[in-house]
């Protein structure tokens, strides 16, 4: 039986490991460490099977200053690293993949420039490209979660499925970094509507939350991204991996 995959998140800003409330640096940005590479090695030592990286400098300033850190991270852990944050072209996607990452996460581009997103999806294939859907007030938000699109997340996910997306990372912005519990129904509704795999992101606060998400795996939710709860020791890491680790990544 395949179990829930728990993916630690490493958010990078100005070369440091941070946690950002609702994914918006202007709201609150807390530093959790000076060396994201050492943080990646720590999660690997705790038996993580994958690492999720968000490059806030790339996302908000289109700066490549963290590329060397990401490359070093990929070279120092033997598990897949996925990276997201403002990737805006096929050429930039190539640059990020050349750092050694396993797959990339694309959010705003799929909405603002569908043709360019299709180029990336066609070039690298759906196993290496994940579409991020950030939701606020039941509508998709883009541009660093600063712009409401008016697009219904279910309709949007179906549209992306039609052009070839096979996996989504779904985030309820209200829950992200708030430690108030995950919005399981949002991720489940997208998984059911698209019949594709969904990674739930945002709101995980403790072990019971993981157990609750696991109950919904039949709908298509097969993984969760956990950030602040890990950094603030809301549960013993080893217990997470023993109970909820997965034997595969798709």
Protein backbone atom coordinates (compact mmCIF):
# COMPACT_ATOMS: atom_id res chain seq x y z
CA UNK A 1 0.00 0.00 0.00
CA UNK A 2 1.31 3.44 -0.97
CA UNK A 3 1.24 5.98 1.85
CA UNK A 4 1.27 9.73 2.11
CA UNK A 5 4.47 11.44 1.02
CA UNK A 6 5.54 14.21 3.40
CA UNK A 7 7.72 16.84 1.69
CA UNK A 8 9.68 19.37 3.79
CA UNK A 9 9.68 22.87 2.37
CA UNK A 10 12.77 25.08 2.27
CA UNK A 11 11.95 28.68 1.42
CA UNK A 12 14.98 30.76 0.40
CA UNK A 13 15.26 34.53 0.59
CA UNK A 14 18.56 36.41 0.43
CA UNK A 15 20.40 33.13 0.74
CA UNK A 16 18.72 32.17 4.03
CA UNK A 17 16.07 29.66 5.07
CA UNK A 18 12.87 31.54 5.90
CA UNK A 19 9.19 30.95 6.55
CA UNK A 20 6.79 33.44 5.01
CA UNK A 21 3.23 33.94 6.21
CA UNK A 22 0.76 33.18 3.39
CA UNK A 23 3.69 33.12 0.97
CA UNK A 24 3.89 36.92 0.97
CA UNK A 25 7.28 38.22 2.24
CA UNK A 26 5.86 41.67 2.98
CA UNK A 27 3.51 40.22 5.61
CA UNK A 28 6.09 38.43 7.74
CA UNK A 29 9.39 36.73 7.04
CA UNK A 30 11.08 34.73 9.79
CA UNK A 31 14.62 33.43 9.34
CA UNK A 32 15.14 29.80 10.40
CA UNK A 33 18.74 29.33 9.31
CA UNK A 34 21.67 30.84 7.43
CA UNK A 35 22.38 27.79 5.25
CA UNK A 36 19.58 26.20 3.18
CA UNK A 37 22.02 23.49 2.03
CA UNK A 38 22.57 22.34 5.61
CA UNK A 39 18.80 22.40 6.12
CA UNK A 40 18.35 20.14 3.11
CA UNK A 41 20.96 17.76 4.49
CA UNK A 42 19.15 17.75 7.83
CA UNK A 43 15.83 16.76 6.26
CA UNK A 44 17.61 14.09 4.24
CA UNK A 45 19.18 12.76 7.45
CA UNK A 46 15.66 12.63 8.90
CA UNK A 47 14.75 10.33 5.98
CA UNK A 48 12.83 12.78 3.82
CA UNK A 49 12.17 11.36 0.36
CA UNK A 50 11.91 14.71 -1.43
CA UNK A 51 12.46 18.43 -0.78
CA UNK A 52 10.35 21.35 -1.97
CA UNK A 53 12.20 24.65 -2.51
CA UNK A 54 10.67 28.09 -3.04
CA UNK A 55 13.04 30.78 -4.32
CA UNK A 56 11.43 34.04 -3.16
CA UNK A 57 14.12 36.19 -4.76
CA UNK A 58 13.38 34.61 -8.13
CA UNK A 59 9.65 34.87 -7.56
CA UNK A 60 9.44 38.47 -6.36
CA UNK A 61 12.52 40.16 -7.85
CA UNK A 62 13.39 37.80 -10.68
CA UNK A 63 16.86 37.49 -9.18
CA UNK A 64 19.03 34.43 -9.81
CA UNK A 65 21.22 35.02 -6.77
CA UNK A 66 20.11 31.79 -5.08
CA UNK A 67 20.94 29.54 -8.02
CA UNK A 68 24.32 28.55 -6.61
CA UNK A 69 22.67 27.54 -3.34
CA UNK A 70 20.07 25.43 -5.13
CA UNK A 71 22.75 23.76 -7.24
CA UNK A 72 24.80 22.97 -4.14
CA UNK A 73 21.70 21.62 -2.45
CA UNK A 74 21.02 19.24 -5.35
CA UNK A 75 24.62 18.08 -5.27
CA UNK A 76 24.55 17.39 -1.53
CA UNK A 77 21.39 15.32 -1.15
CA UNK A 78 20.53 12.10 -2.96
CA UNK A 79 16.80 12.75 -3.05
CA UNK A 80 14.76 14.70 -5.60
CA UNK A 81 14.55 18.47 -5.21
CA UNK A 82 11.66 20.39 -6.75
CA UNK A 83 11.94 24.15 -7.19
CA UNK A 84 9.39 26.88 -7.74
CA UNK A 85 9.37 30.64 -7.77
CA UNK A 86 8.70 32.92 -10.73
CA UNK A 87 9.96 30.75 -13.60
CA UNK A 88 8.88 32.76 -16.64
CA UNK A 89 10.25 31.14 -19.81
CA UNK A 90 11.48 27.93 -21.40
CA UNK A 91 15.04 29.23 -21.20
CA UNK A 92 14.71 29.94 -17.49
CA UNK A 93 13.24 26.49 -16.95
CA UNK A 94 16.31 25.03 -18.67
CA UNK A 95 18.58 27.05 -16.39
CA UNK A 96 16.83 25.76 -13.28
CA UNK A 97 16.92 22.15 -14.47
CA UNK A 98 20.63 22.55 -15.20
CA UNK A 99 21.11 23.16 -11.48
CA UNK A 100 20.22 19.51 -10.94
CA UNK A 101 16.60 19.78 -9.81
CA UNK A 102 14.19 16.89 -10.32
CA UNK A 103 11.16 18.94 -11.30
CA UNK A 104 9.99 22.54 -11.35
CA UNK A 105 6.83 24.15 -10.07
CA UNK A 106 5.14 26.77 -12.24
CA UNK A 107 2.32 29.00 -11.05
CA UNK A 108 1.68 32.43 -12.54
CA UNK A 109 3.13 31.69 -15.99
CA UNK A 110 0.46 29.08 -16.71
CA UNK A 111 -2.12 31.84 -16.31
CA UNK A 112 -0.30 34.87 -17.74
CA UNK A 113 1.39 33.18 -20.71
CA UNK A 114 -0.23 29.86 -21.49
CA UNK A 115 1.72 29.40 -24.72
CA UNK A 116 5.07 29.66 -22.96
CA UNK A 117 3.86 27.29 -20.26
CA UNK A 118 2.85 24.79 -22.95
CA UNK A 119 6.34 25.02 -24.45
CA UNK A 120 7.87 24.12 -21.09
CA UNK A 121 5.35 21.34 -20.49
CA UNK A 122 5.89 19.86 -23.96
CA UNK A 123 9.67 20.14 -23.79
CA UNK A 124 10.21 18.55 -20.37
CA UNK A 125 7.06 16.46 -20.04
CA UNK A 126 4.35 16.37 -17.35
CA UNK A 127 6.40 14.22 -14.96
CA UNK A 128 8.88 17.06 -14.47
CA UNK A 129 6.50 20.02 -14.45
CA UNK A 130 4.03 20.73 -11.63
CA UNK A 131 1.33 23.38 -11.86
CA UNK A 132 0.82 25.40 -8.70
CA UNK A 133 -2.68 26.66 -7.96
CA UNK A 134 -2.84 29.30 -5.23
CA UNK A 135 -6.34 30.12 -4.04
CA UNK A 136 -7.67 33.12 -2.11
CA UNK A 137 -11.39 33.80 -1.60
CA UNK A 138 -12.15 30.86 -3.90
CA UNK A 139 -10.31 32.34 -6.86
CA UNK A 140 -6.89 31.72 -8.35
CA UNK A 141 -4.23 34.28 -7.42
CA UNK A 142 -0.98 34.93 -9.30
CA UNK A 143 2.00 37.30 -9.32
CA UNK A 144 3.34 36.35 -5.92
CA UNK A 145 -0.24 35.89 -4.66
CA UNK A 146 -0.82 39.62 -5.10
CA UNK A 147 -3.31 39.52 -7.99
CA UNK A 148 -6.76 37.96 -7.94
CA UNK A 149 -7.71 36.56 -11.33
CA UNK A 150 -11.42 35.93 -10.80
CA UNK A 151 -10.81 32.39 -12.08
CA UNK A 152 -12.53 29.53 -10.26
CA UNK A 153 -9.85 27.04 -9.13
CA UNK A 154 -11.83 24.00 -10.33
CA UNK A 155 -12.35 25.46 -13.80
CA UNK A 156 -8.71 26.51 -13.94
CA UNK A 157 -7.44 23.07 -12.92
CA UNK A 158 -9.59 21.44 -15.61
CA UNK A 159 -8.18 23.84 -18.19
CA UNK A 160 -4.60 22.97 -17.21
CA UNK A 161 -5.45 19.26 -17.29
CA UNK A 162 -6.71 19.67 -20.84
CA UNK A 163 -3.30 21.00 -21.93
CA UNK A 164 -1.43 18.14 -20.30
CA UNK A 165 -0.79 18.85 -16.59
CA UNK A 166 -0.59 15.65 -14.52
CA UNK A 167 0.14 17.04 -11.04
CA UNK A 168 -0.95 20.08 -9.05
CA UNK A 169 0.32 21.73 -5.90
CA UNK A 170 -2.75 23.33 -4.34
CA UNK A 171 -2.42 26.04 -1.69
CA UNK A 172 -5.13 27.81 0.25
CA UNK A 173 -3.30 31.09 0.82
CA UNK A 174 -5.22 31.80 4.03
CA UNK A 175 -3.83 28.64 5.64
CA UNK A 176 -0.25 28.92 4.36
CA UNK A 177 2.15 29.35 7.28
CA UNK A 178 -0.68 29.94 9.74
CA UNK A 179 -0.69 26.58 11.57
CA UNK A 180 -4.48 26.56 11.60
CA UNK A 181 -5.10 23.30 9.76
CA UNK A 182 -5.19 22.40 6.06
CA UNK A 183 -8.01 23.04 3.60
CA UNK A 184 -8.39 19.42 2.54
CA UNK A 185 -11.66 19.98 0.68
CA UNK A 186 -10.01 22.39 -1.77
CA UNK A 187 -7.29 19.93 -2.74
CA UNK A 188 -9.75 17.06 -2.84
CA UNK A 189 -12.15 18.92 -5.11
CA UNK A 190 -9.38 19.63 -7.62
CA UNK A 191 -8.13 16.04 -7.47
CA UNK A 192 -11.62 14.69 -8.11
CA UNK A 193 -12.42 17.19 -10.87
CA UNK A 194 -9.22 16.54 -12.81
CA UNK A 195 -8.48 12.89 -11.91
CA UNK A 196 -4.86 13.99 -11.47
CA UNK A 197 -2.45 13.80 -8.52
CA UNK A 198 -2.49 16.63 -6.00
CA UNK A 199 0.04 17.77 -3.43
CA UNK A 200 -1.64 19.65 -0.60
CA UNK A 201 0.27 22.69 0.63
CA UNK A 202 -0.49 24.95 3.57
CA UNK A 203 -1.85 24.66 7.08
CA UNK A 204 -0.37 21.35 8.27
CA UNK A 205 0.27 21.85 11.97
CA UNK A 206 0.63 18.42 13.60
CA UNK A 207 0.45 14.66 13.28
CA UNK A 208 -3.39 14.46 13.44
CA UNK A 209 -3.54 16.74 10.39
CA UNK A 210 -1.43 14.24 8.46
CA UNK A 211 -3.71 11.41 9.55
CA UNK A 212 -6.73 13.38 8.36
CA UNK A 213 -5.16 14.10 4.94
CA UNK A 214 -4.26 10.43 4.60
CA UNK A 215 -7.96 9.54 4.82
CA UNK A 216 -8.50 11.39 1.54
CA UNK A 217 -5.79 9.69 -0.51
CA UNK A 218 -8.33 7.79 -2.60
CA UNK A 219 -9.43 11.10 -4.07
CA UNK A 220 -5.97 11.76 -5.51
CA UNK A 221 -4.16 13.64 -2.74
CA UNK A 222 -0.94 11.66 -2.40
CA UNK A 223 1.46 14.12 -0.73
CA UNK A 224 1.72 17.16 1.53
CA UNK A 225 4.22 19.99 1.79
CA UNK A 226 5.08 20.87 5.39
CA UNK A 227 7.03 23.95 6.42
CA UNK A 228 6.52 25.96 9.57
CA UNK A 229 5.28 23.02 11.67
CA UNK A 230 8.56 21.21 11.04
CA UNK A 231 10.72 24.21 11.82
CA UNK A 232 8.84 24.88 15.02
CA UNK A 233 8.98 21.23 16.16
CA UNK A 234 5.27 20.59 16.21
CA UNK A 235 5.94 16.84 15.94
CA UNK A 236 8.94 14.49 16.01
CA UNK A 237 10.31 14.21 12.47
CA UNK A 238 11.09 10.51 12.69
CA UNK A 239 7.48 9.74 13.58
CA UNK A 240 6.35 11.52 10.41
CA UNK A 241 8.59 9.48 8.16
CA UNK A 242 7.82 6.12 9.80
CA UNK A 243 4.08 6.58 9.55
CA UNK A 244 3.63 8.62 6.40
CA UNK A 245 6.57 7.99 4.08
CA UNK A 246 6.04 6.91 0.49
CA UNK A 247 7.88 4.47 -1.74
CA UNK A 248 7.39 6.44 -4.92
CA UNK A 249 7.31 9.87 -6.48
CA UNK A 250 5.15 10.58 -9.49
